[in-house]
N, C-alpha and C. Protein backbone atom coordinates (compact mmCIF):
# COMPACT_ATOMS: atom_id res chain seq x y z
N MET A 1 114.85 95.53 107.16
CA MET A 1 113.58 96.49 106.07
C MET A 1 113.97 96.07 104.27
N ASN A 2 113.30 95.64 103.58
CA ASN A 2 113.71 95.80 102.26
C ASN A 2 112.57 96.94 101.55
N ASN A 3 113.50 98.11 100.64
CA ASN A 3 113.03 99.32 100.14
C ASN A 3 112.67 98.94 99.00
N PHE A 4 112.19 98.81 98.11
CA PHE A 4 112.37 99.18 96.58
C PHE A 4 111.89 100.70 96.34
N LYS A 5 113.02 101.06 94.84
CA LYS A 5 112.71 102.81 94.11
C LYS A 5 112.71 102.32 93.24
N ASN A 6 111.92 101.90 92.24
CA ASN A 6 112.65 101.31 90.85
C ASN A 6 111.52 101.69 89.94
N LYS A 7 112.47 102.46 87.97
CA LYS A 7 111.60 103.99 87.54
C LYS A 7 111.39 103.22 85.62
N THR A 8 110.58 102.28 85.97
CA THR A 8 110.03 101.82 84.65
C THR A 8 108.99 102.82 83.64
N GLN A 9 110.04 103.35 82.82
CA GLN A 9 109.64 104.44 81.02
C GLN A 9 109.78 103.56 80.24
N ALA A 10 108.78 104.10 79.56
CA ALA A 10 108.49 103.16 78.18
C ALA A 10 107.94 104.78 77.19
N PHE A 11 108.38 105.08 76.57
CA PHE A 11 108.85 106.51 75.55
C PHE A 11 109.03 106.76 74.31
N ILE A 12 108.14 108.38 73.90
CA ILE A 12 109.13 108.46 72.64
C ILE A 12 109.26 109.53 72.91
N ILE A 13 110.20 110.03 72.64
CA ILE A 13 110.76 111.71 72.12
C ILE A 13 111.51 112.24 71.33
N ARG A 14 110.82 112.78 71.05
CA ARG A 14 111.43 113.18 69.44
C ARG A 14 111.95 112.99 67.93
N ALA A 15 110.78 111.86 68.22
CA ALA A 15 110.33 110.76 66.73
C ALA A 15 108.77 111.27 65.99
N THR A 16 109.30 110.72 64.94
CA THR A 16 108.16 110.19 64.18
C THR A 16 107.75 109.63 63.82
N VAL A 17 105.94 109.08 64.34
CA VAL A 17 105.96 107.09 64.08
C VAL A 17 104.97 107.18 63.33
N THR A 18 104.13 106.04 62.10
CA THR A 18 103.54 106.23 61.62
C THR A 18 103.28 104.63 61.52
N ALA A 19 101.98 104.09 62.05
CA ALA A 19 101.18 102.51 61.68
C ALA A 19 100.07 102.99 62.02
N GLY A 20 99.82 101.43 61.33
CA GLY A 20 98.27 100.33 62.15
C GLY A 20 98.27 101.23 63.27
N ASP A 21 99.21 100.24 64.10
CA ASP A 21 98.76 100.56 65.71
C ASP A 21 99.58 100.69 66.53
N VAL A 22 99.84 101.43 67.23
CA VAL A 22 101.44 101.38 68.20
C VAL A 22 100.68 102.10 69.66
N GLU A 23 101.47 100.14 69.67
CA GLU A 23 101.23 100.61 71.83
C GLU A 23 103.12 100.56 72.30
N LEU A 24 102.92 101.79 73.23
CA LEU A 24 104.01 101.96 73.99
C LEU A 24 103.63 101.41 75.88
N LYS A 25 104.42 100.49 75.76
CA LYS A 25 104.31 100.29 77.11
C LYS A 25 105.39 99.89 78.61
N ALA A 26 104.76 100.64 79.20
CA ALA A 26 105.72 100.11 81.09
C ALA A 26 104.85 99.20 81.80
N LEU A 27 105.78 98.39 82.50
CA LEU A 27 105.25 97.46 83.40
C LEU A 27 106.16 97.17 83.61
N GLU A 28 105.59 97.42 85.31
CA GLU A 28 106.04 97.01 86.44
C GLU A 28 106.38 95.89 87.28
N ASP A 29 106.63 95.18 87.17
CA ASP A 29 106.32 93.91 88.46
C ASP A 29 106.59 93.27 88.75
N VAL A 30 107.04 93.57 90.45
CA VAL A 30 107.93 92.77 91.24
C VAL A 30 107.42 92.54 92.33
N ILE A 31 107.58 91.22 93.03
CA ILE A 31 107.20 90.42 93.64
C ILE A 31 108.31 90.19 94.81
N VAL A 32 108.15 90.73 96.40
CA VAL A 32 108.93 91.36 96.46
C VAL A 32 108.57 90.17 98.09
N VAL A 33 109.46 88.91 98.49
CA VAL A 33 109.42 88.07 99.11
C VAL A 33 109.77 88.31 100.38
N SER A 34 108.97 88.46 102.06
CA SER A 34 110.39 88.11 103.10
C SER A 34 110.01 87.64 104.47
N GLY A 35 110.86 87.55 104.73
CA GLY A 35 110.81 86.81 105.95
C GLY A 35 111.37 87.98 107.83
N SER A 36 110.27 87.92 108.72
CA SER A 36 111.15 87.89 109.67
C SER A 36 110.69 86.90 110.81
N ILE A 37 111.64 87.21 111.63
CA ILE A 37 111.70 86.17 112.82
C ILE A 37 111.98 86.90 113.94
N GLY A 38 111.06 86.81 114.88
CA GLY A 38 110.94 88.17 116.63
C GLY A 38 111.24 86.50 117.67
N LEU A 39 112.47 87.36 118.42
CA LEU A 39 112.20 85.97 119.70
C LEU A 39 111.52 86.80 120.40
N ALA A 40 111.32 85.91 121.24
CA ALA A 40 110.35 86.08 123.38
C ALA A 40 111.65 85.50 124.19
N GLY A 41 111.14 86.12 125.17
CA GLY A 41 111.62 85.34 126.07
C GLY A 41 111.59 85.05 127.44
N ASN A 42 111.77 84.34 128.35
CA ASN A 42 111.24 84.35 129.73
C ASN A 42 112.36 83.89 130.73
N TYR A 43 112.70 84.34 131.61
CA TYR A 43 113.37 84.84 133.29
C TYR A 43 112.67 84.07 134.52
N VAL A 44 112.45 82.95 134.78
CA VAL A 44 111.30 83.57 136.00
C VAL A 44 112.47 82.40 137.22
N THR A 45 113.05 83.29 138.30
CA THR A 45 113.51 82.89 139.44
C THR A 45 112.71 83.10 140.79
N ASN A 46 112.81 82.18 141.46
CA ASN A 46 111.85 81.86 143.21
C ASN A 46 113.39 81.58 144.19
N PRO A 47 113.55 82.19 144.57
CA PRO A 47 115.68 81.65 145.29
C PRO A 47 114.66 81.41 146.71
N THR A 48 113.33 82.58 147.17
CA THR A 48 113.21 82.38 148.37
C THR A 48 111.73 82.57 148.49
N GLY A 49 111.14 82.57 148.38
CA GLY A 49 109.18 82.19 147.76
C GLY A 49 109.88 83.65 146.83
N GLY A 50 109.74 84.36 146.72
CA GLY A 50 109.37 85.74 146.44
C GLY A 50 110.22 85.87 144.40
N ALA A 51 110.05 86.36 143.76
CA ALA A 51 109.50 85.87 142.71
C ALA A 51 110.13 86.95 141.55
N THR A 52 111.35 86.81 140.85
CA THR A 52 112.12 87.95 139.87
C THR A 52 111.25 87.36 138.33
N THR A 53 111.27 88.03 137.92
CA THR A 53 110.98 88.16 136.13
C THR A 53 111.48 88.66 135.12
N VAL A 54 112.14 88.12 134.56
CA VAL A 54 112.27 89.41 133.38
C VAL A 54 111.95 88.63 131.92
N ASN A 55 110.85 89.53 131.67
CA ASN A 55 110.61 89.42 129.81
C ASN A 55 110.62 90.67 129.28
N VAL A 56 111.74 89.23 127.72
CA VAL A 56 111.66 89.76 126.84
C VAL A 56 111.39 90.25 125.38
N ALA A 57 111.24 90.82 124.44
CA ALA A 57 110.74 90.83 123.63
C ALA A 57 111.06 90.90 122.37
N GLY A 58 110.70 90.90 120.44
CA GLY A 58 111.09 91.71 120.01
C GLY A 58 110.83 91.56 118.17
N SER A 59 110.88 92.18 117.49
CA SER A 59 110.01 91.92 116.27
C SER A 59 110.10 93.59 115.45
N VAL A 60 110.93 93.58 114.50
CA VAL A 60 111.21 94.45 113.21
C VAL A 60 110.85 94.35 112.07
N SER A 61 109.80 94.80 110.63
CA SER A 61 109.47 94.15 109.21
C SER A 61 109.19 95.56 108.78
N GLN A 62 109.95 95.44 107.36
CA GLN A 62 109.14 96.40 107.28
C GLN A 62 110.07 96.70 105.28
N ASN A 63 108.40 96.83 104.91
CA ASN A 63 108.68 96.86 103.35
C ASN A 63 108.28 98.00 103.03
N ILE A 64 109.48 98.41 101.82
CA ILE A 64 107.94 99.57 101.19
C ILE A 64 108.86 99.45 99.61
N VAL A 65 107.79 100.19 98.89
CA VAL A 65 107.79 99.94 97.48
C VAL A 65 107.47 101.13 97.35
N GLU A 66 108.87 102.45 96.22
CA GLU A 66 107.31 103.12 96.08
C GLU A 66 108.01 103.50 94.43
N ASN A 67 107.09 102.69 93.40
CA ASN A 67 108.38 102.33 92.22
C ASN A 67 107.39 103.78 91.14
N THR A 68 108.24 103.78 90.68
CA THR A 68 107.38 104.90 89.65
C THR A 68 106.94 104.57 87.45
N THR A 69 105.84 103.79 87.75
CA THR A 69 105.95 103.79 86.22
C THR A 69 105.41 104.79 85.23
N GLU A 70 106.11 104.64 83.93
CA GLU A 70 105.15 105.64 82.77
C GLU A 70 106.12 105.10 82.15
N GLY A 71 104.40 105.76 81.25
CA GLY A 71 104.55 105.86 79.76
C GLY A 71 104.07 106.86 79.22
N PHE A 72 104.38 107.07 78.04
CA PHE A 72 105.26 109.35 77.96
C PHE A 72 104.98 109.27 76.23
N LEU A 73 104.81 110.82 75.94
CA LEU A 73 105.80 110.67 74.28
C LEU A 73 105.76 112.72 74.33
N GLN A 74 107.18 112.64 73.59
CA GLN A 74 107.66 114.34 73.82
C GLN A 74 108.00 114.64 73.31
N ASN A 75 107.56 115.70 72.96
CA ASN A 75 108.08 116.46 71.44
C ASN A 75 108.21 115.10 70.19
N ALA A 76 106.55 114.56 70.14
CA ALA A 76 107.13 113.67 69.20
C ALA A 76 105.51 113.59 68.35
N SER A 77 105.50 112.85 67.07
CA SER A 77 104.20 112.84 66.08
C SER A 77 104.15 111.41 65.96
N VAL A 78 103.12 110.85 66.60
CA VAL A 78 102.22 109.83 66.50
C VAL A 78 101.23 109.73 65.92
N ASN A 79 101.38 109.34 64.85
CA ASN A 79 99.87 108.23 63.69
C ASN A 79 99.81 107.06 63.77
N ALA A 80 99.12 106.68 64.42
CA ALA A 80 98.23 105.48 64.42
C ALA A 80 96.58 105.60 63.64
N ILE A 81 97.08 104.73 62.82
CA ILE A 81 95.94 104.39 61.73
C ILE A 81 94.18 103.91 62.54
N ARG A 82 94.76 103.45 63.73
CA ARG A 82 93.87 101.75 64.39
C ARG A 82 93.19 102.45 65.73
N ASP A 83 94.50 102.37 66.71
CA ASP A 83 94.55 102.34 68.24
C ASP A 83 96.21 102.50 68.34
N LEU A 84 96.06 103.53 69.13
CA LEU A 84 97.37 104.34 70.76
C LEU A 84 96.91 103.66 71.78
N GLN A 85 97.18 103.13 72.35
CA GLN A 85 97.88 103.01 73.37
C GLN A 85 98.99 102.81 74.49
N LEU A 86 98.94 103.14 75.93
CA LEU A 86 99.80 104.29 76.23
C LEU A 86 99.77 103.09 77.47
N PRO A 87 99.91 102.87 77.53
CA PRO A 87 99.48 101.72 79.85
C PRO A 87 101.14 102.02 80.53
N ALA A 88 100.34 102.31 81.36
CA ALA A 88 101.59 101.80 82.80
C ALA A 88 100.78 101.46 83.67
N ASP A 89 101.43 100.01 84.40
CA ASP A 89 100.89 99.40 85.32
C ASP A 89 101.79 98.94 85.73
N ASP A 90 101.83 98.81 86.40
CA ASP A 90 102.93 98.94 88.39
C ASP A 90 101.59 97.66 89.51
N THR A 91 102.12 95.99 89.08
CA THR A 91 101.43 95.23 89.36
C THR A 91 102.35 94.30 90.53
N SER A 92 102.70 95.65 91.24
CA SER A 92 103.95 95.00 92.54
C SER A 92 102.73 94.40 93.58
N GLN A 93 103.66 93.31 94.19
CA GLN A 93 103.00 92.50 95.66
C GLN A 93 104.59 92.45 96.28
N ILE A 94 103.63 92.27 97.87
CA ILE A 94 104.01 91.66 98.73
C ILE A 94 103.99 90.69 99.22
N CYS A 95 104.68 89.24 99.00
CA CYS A 95 104.11 88.41 100.01
C CYS A 95 104.86 88.52 101.76
N ALA A 96 104.80 88.45 103.05
CA ALA A 96 105.24 88.77 104.28
C ALA A 96 105.05 87.61 104.46
N ILE A 97 106.42 87.02 105.83
CA ILE A 97 105.76 85.95 106.57
C ILE A 97 106.69 86.88 107.96
N ALA A 98 105.89 86.40 109.40
CA ALA A 98 106.58 86.39 110.45
C ALA A 98 106.31 84.92 111.32
N ILE A 99 107.74 84.59 112.24
CA ILE A 99 107.14 84.26 113.06
C ILE A 99 108.01 84.65 114.39
N SER A 100 107.42 84.10 115.70
CA SER A 100 107.47 85.04 116.23
C SER A 100 108.59 83.71 117.60
N PRO A 101 108.77 83.16 117.88
CA PRO A 101 109.16 82.41 118.96
C PRO A 101 109.55 82.53 120.29
N ASN A 102 108.56 81.53 121.21
CA ASN A 102 108.59 82.34 122.41
C ASN A 102 108.95 81.03 123.06
N SER A 103 110.04 81.54 124.16
CA SER A 103 110.68 80.38 126.00
C SER A 103 110.89 80.84 127.05
N THR A 104 110.93 79.53 128.32
CA THR A 104 110.24 80.11 129.29
C THR A 104 111.53 79.47 130.26
N VAL A 105 112.25 79.99 130.96
CA VAL A 105 113.52 79.71 132.07
C VAL A 105 112.77 79.42 133.16
N LEU A 106 113.10 78.66 133.67
CA LEU A 106 112.15 78.56 135.65
C LEU A 106 113.05 78.36 136.43
N THR A 107 113.51 78.82 137.04
CA THR A 107 114.30 77.49 137.87
C THR A 107 114.03 78.32 139.68
N GLY A 108 113.86 76.89 140.55
CA GLY A 108 113.44 77.47 141.86
C GLY A 108 114.40 77.08 142.86
N PHE A 109 114.10 77.08 144.46
CA PHE A 109 114.87 76.17 144.92
C PHE A 109 113.34 76.33 145.89
N GLY A 110 113.34 75.23 146.59
CA GLY A 110 112.31 74.71 147.46
C GLY A 110 111.92 73.72 148.05
């Protein structure tokens, strides 16, 4: 299990800013690469003409991204002559790979 809870902030608090252009950018760019292996197996026996079969299989994989990405002004005076930009972007990605091999064992008499 992969659980990401990142907090990314870009802010101006209690300040006065005067500029031609003002850009305040918050960017979260996580790449999660995870792998999962599941196993499966069979056991079959036939000692006297009857059959006993046991099957077992299982695999679990979980990826959670719960990011908070913020850009903000708080109690601030911002004077931008041209552009004022406050982008907040979360471009997180998950790449998950799962593999599940299987095997069988047979025994018998006869």
